[in-house]
N, C-alpha and C. Protein backbone atom coordinates (compact mmCIF):
# COMPACT_ATOMS: atom_id res chain seq x y z
N MET A 1 0.83 -1.19 0.00
CA MET A 1 0.00 0.00 0.00
C MET A 1 0.87 1.26 0.00
N LYS A 2 1.96 1.22 0.78
CA LYS A 2 2.87 2.37 0.81
C LYS A 2 3.48 2.62 -0.57
N ASN A 3 3.84 1.52 -1.24
CA ASN A 3 4.42 1.67 -2.57
C ASN A 3 3.40 2.25 -3.55
N LEU A 4 2.17 1.84 -3.44
CA LEU A 4 1.13 2.36 -4.32
C LEU A 4 0.96 3.87 -4.12
N ILE A 5 0.90 4.29 -2.88
CA ILE A 5 0.76 5.72 -2.57
C ILE A 5 1.99 6.48 -3.06
N LYS A 6 3.16 5.91 -2.84
CA LYS A 6 4.40 6.54 -3.28
C LYS A 6 4.40 6.68 -4.80
N ASN A 7 3.99 5.63 -5.52
CA ASN A 7 3.94 5.68 -6.98
C ASN A 7 2.91 6.68 -7.48
N MET A 8 1.78 6.78 -6.79
CA MET A 8 0.76 7.75 -7.17
C MET A 8 1.27 9.17 -6.99
N LYS A 9 1.96 9.42 -5.89
CA LYS A 9 2.52 10.75 -5.65
C LYS A 9 3.55 11.09 -6.72
N LEU A 10 4.40 10.12 -7.04
CA LEU A 10 5.42 10.34 -8.06
C LEU A 10 4.77 10.61 -9.41
N SER A 11 3.73 9.86 -9.74
CA SER A 11 3.02 10.07 -11.01
C SER A 11 2.40 11.46 -11.07
N LEU A 12 1.82 11.90 -9.98
CA LEU A 12 1.23 13.24 -9.94
C LEU A 12 2.30 14.31 -10.10
N LEU A 13 3.44 14.10 -9.50
CA LEU A 13 4.55 15.04 -9.62
C LEU A 13 5.02 15.12 -11.07
N VAL A 14 5.17 13.99 -11.70
CA VAL A 14 5.61 13.96 -13.10
C VAL A 14 4.59 14.65 -13.99
N ILE A 15 3.31 14.36 -13.80
CA ILE A 15 2.26 14.97 -14.61
C ILE A 15 2.23 16.49 -14.40
N SER A 16 2.34 16.93 -13.17
CA SER A 16 2.30 18.38 -12.93
C SER A 16 3.53 19.07 -13.51
N THR A 17 4.68 18.41 -13.43
CA THR A 17 5.91 18.97 -14.00
C THR A 17 5.78 19.10 -15.51
N LEU A 18 5.28 18.06 -16.16
CA LEU A 18 5.11 18.10 -17.61
C LEU A 18 4.09 19.16 -18.02
N THR A 19 3.03 19.29 -17.26
CA THR A 19 2.02 20.29 -17.56
C THR A 19 2.60 21.70 -17.44
N MET A 20 3.37 21.94 -16.39
CA MET A 20 4.00 23.25 -16.22
C MET A 20 4.99 23.53 -17.34
N ALA A 21 5.76 22.52 -17.73
CA ALA A 21 6.74 22.69 -18.80
C ALA A 21 6.06 23.01 -20.12
N SER A 22 4.99 22.29 -20.45
CA SER A 22 4.32 22.55 -21.72
C SER A 22 3.63 23.92 -21.70
N THR A 23 3.13 24.34 -20.55
CA THR A 23 2.53 25.67 -20.43
C THR A 23 3.59 26.74 -20.63
N ALA A 24 4.76 26.56 -20.04
CA ALA A 24 5.85 27.52 -20.20
C ALA A 24 6.30 27.60 -21.65
N ILE A 25 6.41 26.45 -22.30
CA ILE A 25 6.81 26.43 -23.70
C ILE A 25 5.78 27.14 -24.55
N ALA A 26 4.51 26.88 -24.30
CA ALA A 26 3.45 27.51 -25.08
C ALA A 26 3.48 29.03 -24.92
N GLN A 27 3.81 29.51 -23.74
CA GLN A 27 3.86 30.95 -23.51
C GLN A 27 5.02 31.59 -24.25
N GLU A 28 6.13 30.85 -24.44
CA GLU A 28 7.30 31.38 -25.12
C GLU A 28 7.26 31.15 -26.63
N MET A 29 6.42 30.25 -27.07
CA MET A 29 6.38 29.82 -28.47
C MET A 29 6.00 30.99 -29.37
N PRO A 30 6.83 31.31 -30.36
CA PRO A 30 6.45 32.36 -31.29
C PRO A 30 5.29 31.88 -32.16
N SER A 31 4.43 32.79 -32.57
CA SER A 31 3.28 32.38 -33.36
C SER A 31 3.63 32.20 -34.84
N ARG A 32 4.74 32.76 -35.26
CA ARG A 32 5.18 32.64 -36.66
C ARG A 32 6.68 32.37 -36.71
N GLY A 33 7.10 31.85 -37.83
CA GLY A 33 8.52 31.61 -38.06
C GLY A 33 9.01 30.34 -37.40
N PRO A 34 10.29 30.06 -37.58
CA PRO A 34 10.85 28.83 -37.02
C PRO A 34 10.82 28.84 -35.49
N ILE A 35 10.70 27.67 -34.93
CA ILE A 35 10.74 27.52 -33.47
C ILE A 35 12.20 27.61 -33.03
N PRO A 36 12.53 28.49 -32.10
CA PRO A 36 13.92 28.64 -31.65
C PRO A 36 14.43 27.39 -30.91
N PHE A 37 15.74 27.21 -30.99
CA PHE A 37 16.40 26.07 -30.35
C PHE A 37 16.02 25.97 -28.87
N GLY A 38 16.04 27.09 -28.16
CA GLY A 38 15.77 27.10 -26.73
C GLY A 38 14.37 26.62 -26.36
N ILE A 39 13.44 26.75 -27.29
CA ILE A 39 12.08 26.26 -27.02
C ILE A 39 12.03 24.74 -27.22
N PHE A 40 12.69 24.27 -28.29
CA PHE A 40 12.76 22.83 -28.50
C PHE A 40 13.46 22.14 -27.33
N ASP A 41 14.55 22.74 -26.85
CA ASP A 41 15.37 22.14 -25.79
C ASP A 41 14.72 22.37 -24.42
N ALA A 42 13.66 21.63 -24.17
CA ALA A 42 12.84 21.84 -22.97
C ALA A 42 13.61 21.64 -21.68
N ASN A 43 14.52 20.69 -21.64
CA ASN A 43 15.26 20.45 -20.40
C ASN A 43 16.57 21.25 -20.32
N LYS A 44 16.83 22.06 -21.33
CA LYS A 44 17.97 22.99 -21.36
C LYS A 44 19.32 22.28 -21.18
N ASP A 45 19.45 21.10 -21.83
CA ASP A 45 20.72 20.38 -21.73
C ASP A 45 21.63 20.61 -22.93
N GLY A 46 21.21 21.49 -23.86
CA GLY A 46 22.04 21.82 -25.00
C GLY A 46 21.82 20.95 -26.22
N SER A 47 20.86 20.05 -26.16
CA SER A 47 20.53 19.24 -27.32
C SER A 47 19.02 18.97 -27.32
N ILE A 48 18.51 18.60 -28.49
CA ILE A 48 17.09 18.34 -28.64
C ILE A 48 16.89 16.87 -28.93
N THR A 49 16.13 16.21 -28.07
CA THR A 49 15.81 14.80 -28.30
C THR A 49 14.64 14.71 -29.27
N GLU A 50 14.40 13.53 -29.76
CA GLU A 50 13.27 13.31 -30.67
C GLU A 50 11.96 13.67 -29.97
N SER A 51 11.86 13.31 -28.70
CA SER A 51 10.66 13.61 -27.93
C SER A 51 10.46 15.12 -27.79
N GLU A 52 11.52 15.85 -27.46
CA GLU A 52 11.43 17.30 -27.33
C GLU A 52 11.02 17.93 -28.67
N PHE A 53 11.57 17.41 -29.75
CA PHE A 53 11.28 17.91 -31.09
C PHE A 53 9.78 17.80 -31.39
N TYR A 54 9.23 16.61 -31.19
CA TYR A 54 7.82 16.39 -31.51
C TYR A 54 6.89 17.07 -30.49
N ASP A 55 7.32 17.17 -29.23
CA ASP A 55 6.50 17.88 -28.23
C ASP A 55 6.35 19.34 -28.59
N ALA A 56 7.46 19.99 -28.95
CA ALA A 56 7.40 21.41 -29.32
C ALA A 56 6.56 21.61 -30.57
N ARG A 57 6.71 20.72 -31.53
CA ARG A 57 5.92 20.82 -32.76
C ARG A 57 4.43 20.67 -32.45
N ALA A 58 4.08 19.75 -31.55
CA ALA A 58 2.68 19.55 -31.18
C ALA A 58 2.11 20.79 -30.48
N ILE A 59 2.93 21.41 -29.63
CA ILE A 59 2.49 22.63 -28.94
C ILE A 59 2.23 23.74 -29.96
N ARG A 60 3.12 23.87 -30.95
CA ARG A 60 2.96 24.89 -32.00
C ARG A 60 1.67 24.63 -32.77
N MET A 61 1.42 23.37 -33.12
CA MET A 61 0.22 23.03 -33.88
C MET A 61 -1.05 23.33 -33.08
N LYS A 62 -1.03 23.01 -31.79
CA LYS A 62 -2.18 23.29 -30.94
C LYS A 62 -2.40 24.79 -30.82
N GLN A 63 -1.30 25.53 -30.63
CA GLN A 63 -1.38 26.98 -30.51
C GLN A 63 -2.02 27.58 -31.76
N LYS A 64 -1.59 27.14 -32.92
CA LYS A 64 -2.15 27.67 -34.16
C LYS A 64 -3.61 27.26 -34.33
N ALA A 65 -3.93 26.03 -33.98
CA ALA A 65 -5.32 25.57 -34.07
C ALA A 65 -6.21 26.39 -33.15
N ASP A 66 -5.73 26.68 -31.94
CA ASP A 66 -6.49 27.48 -30.98
C ASP A 66 -6.73 28.90 -31.51
N GLN A 67 -5.82 29.39 -32.34
CA GLN A 67 -5.94 30.72 -32.92
C GLN A 67 -6.74 30.71 -34.22
N GLY A 68 -7.21 29.50 -34.60
CA GLY A 68 -7.95 29.38 -35.85
C GLY A 68 -7.06 29.41 -37.07
N ARG A 69 -5.78 29.11 -36.87
CA ARG A 69 -4.80 29.12 -37.96
C ARG A 69 -4.09 27.77 -38.04
N PRO A 70 -4.81 26.72 -38.42
CA PRO A 70 -4.13 25.41 -38.48
C PRO A 70 -2.96 25.44 -39.45
N MET A 71 -1.94 24.64 -39.15
CA MET A 71 -0.75 24.60 -39.98
C MET A 71 -1.06 23.88 -41.29
N LYS A 72 -0.79 24.56 -42.38
CA LYS A 72 -0.98 23.96 -43.69
C LYS A 72 0.16 22.97 -43.93
N ASN A 73 -0.15 21.87 -44.53
CA ASN A 73 0.84 20.86 -44.88
C ASN A 73 1.59 20.29 -43.68
N ALA A 74 0.97 20.30 -42.52
CA ALA A 74 1.64 19.76 -41.33
C ALA A 74 2.01 18.29 -41.53
N ALA A 75 1.20 17.59 -42.29
CA ALA A 75 1.49 16.17 -42.55
C ALA A 75 2.76 16.00 -43.37
N ASN A 76 3.17 17.04 -44.08
CA ASN A 76 4.38 16.97 -44.89
C ASN A 76 5.62 17.50 -44.16
N ALA A 77 5.47 17.87 -42.92
CA ALA A 77 6.61 18.39 -42.15
C ALA A 77 7.67 17.29 -42.03
N PRO A 78 8.95 17.67 -42.14
CA PRO A 78 10.01 16.66 -42.09
C PRO A 78 10.10 16.00 -40.72
N ASP A 79 10.49 14.75 -40.75
CA ASP A 79 10.70 13.98 -39.52
C ASP A 79 11.97 14.42 -38.83
N PHE A 80 12.06 14.06 -37.57
CA PHE A 80 13.26 14.32 -36.76
C PHE A 80 14.51 13.81 -37.48
N SER A 81 14.42 12.65 -38.10
CA SER A 81 15.59 12.03 -38.74
C SER A 81 16.16 12.89 -39.87
N VAL A 82 15.33 13.71 -40.50
CA VAL A 82 15.81 14.60 -41.56
C VAL A 82 16.75 15.65 -40.97
N TYR A 83 16.45 16.12 -39.79
CA TYR A 83 17.27 17.12 -39.12
C TYR A 83 18.52 16.50 -38.50
N ASP A 84 18.41 15.28 -38.01
CA ASP A 84 19.50 14.61 -37.30
C ASP A 84 20.51 14.06 -38.31
N THR A 85 21.31 14.95 -38.88
CA THR A 85 22.20 14.57 -39.98
C THR A 85 23.35 13.66 -39.56
N ASN A 86 23.74 13.70 -38.29
CA ASN A 86 24.83 12.81 -37.84
C ASN A 86 24.29 11.54 -37.18
N ASN A 87 22.96 11.38 -37.18
CA ASN A 87 22.30 10.17 -36.67
C ASN A 87 22.69 9.78 -35.25
N ASP A 88 22.83 10.78 -34.38
CA ASP A 88 23.17 10.47 -32.98
C ASP A 88 21.95 10.49 -32.06
N GLY A 89 20.76 10.69 -32.62
CA GLY A 89 19.55 10.66 -31.82
C GLY A 89 19.22 11.96 -31.12
N LYS A 90 19.97 13.01 -31.43
CA LYS A 90 19.69 14.32 -30.85
C LYS A 90 20.15 15.39 -31.83
N LEU A 91 19.59 16.57 -31.66
CA LEU A 91 19.95 17.69 -32.53
C LEU A 91 20.77 18.70 -31.76
N ASN A 92 21.82 19.18 -32.40
CA ASN A 92 22.53 20.33 -31.84
C ASN A 92 21.98 21.57 -32.55
N LYS A 93 22.43 22.73 -32.15
CA LYS A 93 21.90 23.97 -32.68
C LYS A 93 22.11 24.07 -34.19
N LEU A 94 23.27 23.67 -34.66
CA LEU A 94 23.58 23.77 -36.08
C LEU A 94 22.69 22.85 -36.91
N GLU A 95 22.47 21.63 -36.44
CA GLU A 95 21.60 20.70 -37.17
C GLU A 95 20.19 21.27 -37.29
N LEU A 96 19.68 21.84 -36.20
CA LEU A 96 18.34 22.41 -36.23
C LEU A 96 18.28 23.57 -37.21
N LEU A 97 19.22 24.49 -37.11
CA LEU A 97 19.21 25.67 -37.98
C LEU A 97 19.34 25.29 -39.45
N GLU A 98 20.24 24.34 -39.75
CA GLU A 98 20.39 23.90 -41.14
C GLU A 98 19.11 23.25 -41.64
N GLY A 99 18.49 22.41 -40.82
CA GLY A 99 17.24 21.76 -41.21
C GLY A 99 16.11 22.76 -41.43
N GLN A 100 16.01 23.73 -40.52
CA GLN A 100 14.96 24.74 -40.66
C GLN A 100 15.20 25.58 -41.93
N ASN A 101 16.46 25.90 -42.20
CA ASN A 101 16.80 26.68 -43.38
C ASN A 101 16.43 25.92 -44.66
N LYS A 102 16.76 24.64 -44.71
CA LYS A 102 16.41 23.82 -45.87
C LYS A 102 14.89 23.77 -46.05
N GLN A 103 14.17 23.63 -44.95
CA GLN A 103 12.71 23.56 -45.03
C GLN A 103 12.12 24.88 -45.53
N MET A 104 12.65 26.00 -45.06
CA MET A 104 12.16 27.31 -45.52
C MET A 104 12.43 27.49 -47.01
N GLN A 105 13.63 27.07 -47.47
CA GLN A 105 13.95 27.17 -48.89
C GLN A 105 13.01 26.30 -49.72
N LYS A 106 12.73 25.11 -49.24
CA LYS A 106 11.82 24.20 -49.93
C LYS A 106 10.42 24.81 -50.01
N ASN A 107 9.97 25.41 -48.91
CA ASN A 107 8.65 26.05 -48.90
C ASN A 107 8.59 27.22 -49.89
N ARG A 108 9.67 28.01 -49.97
CA ARG A 108 9.70 29.13 -50.92
C ARG A 108 9.63 28.62 -52.35
N GLN A 109 10.36 27.55 -52.65
CA GLN A 109 10.33 26.98 -54.00
C GLN A 109 8.93 26.48 -54.33
N ASN A 110 8.29 25.82 -53.38
CA ASN A 110 6.94 25.31 -53.61
C ASN A 110 5.95 26.43 -53.86
N ARG A 111 6.09 27.53 -53.11
CA ARG A 111 5.20 28.68 -53.32
C ARG A 111 5.41 29.27 -54.71
N GLY A 112 6.66 29.34 -55.14
CA GLY A 112 6.97 29.88 -56.48
C GLY A 112 6.38 29.02 -57.56
N GLN A 113 6.41 27.71 -57.39
CA GLN A 113 5.85 26.80 -58.39
C GLN A 113 4.33 26.94 -58.47
N ARG A 114 3.69 27.13 -57.31
CA ARG A 114 2.22 27.30 -57.30
C ARG A 114 1.83 28.60 -57.98
N ASN A 115 2.64 29.65 -57.77
CA ASN A 115 2.31 30.95 -58.37
C ASN A 115 2.52 30.97 -59.88
N ASN A 116 3.36 30.07 -60.40
CA ASN A 116 3.63 30.03 -61.83
C ASN A 116 2.62 29.20 -62.61
N ARG A 117 1.69 28.58 -61.94
CA ARG A 117 0.70 27.74 -62.64
C ARG A 117 -0.40 28.55 -63.25
């Protein structure tokens, strides 16, 4: 019984910590443009895990949906693995910036092709 209560308390602590972290991220999240490295890096350890990457992206998508501005082509957004060029399972600042830059260039090219039709 003591272990059950201890596990329940620990679970509540974890849930409240995650809720506070996601609320803090949502408050800092820019409404437009690329998500900054510091927002992705939720635990501030200097790298972005796959989980942090997708968590921040989900928060951005929810934020835009709440504003009535759903993300267009969200299903086509690149996977974590596209950004993780050295395949170490985490992103450093340079990997993120290079990936975001490539994605912005790709989006610009796609817009240009649509306008030429």
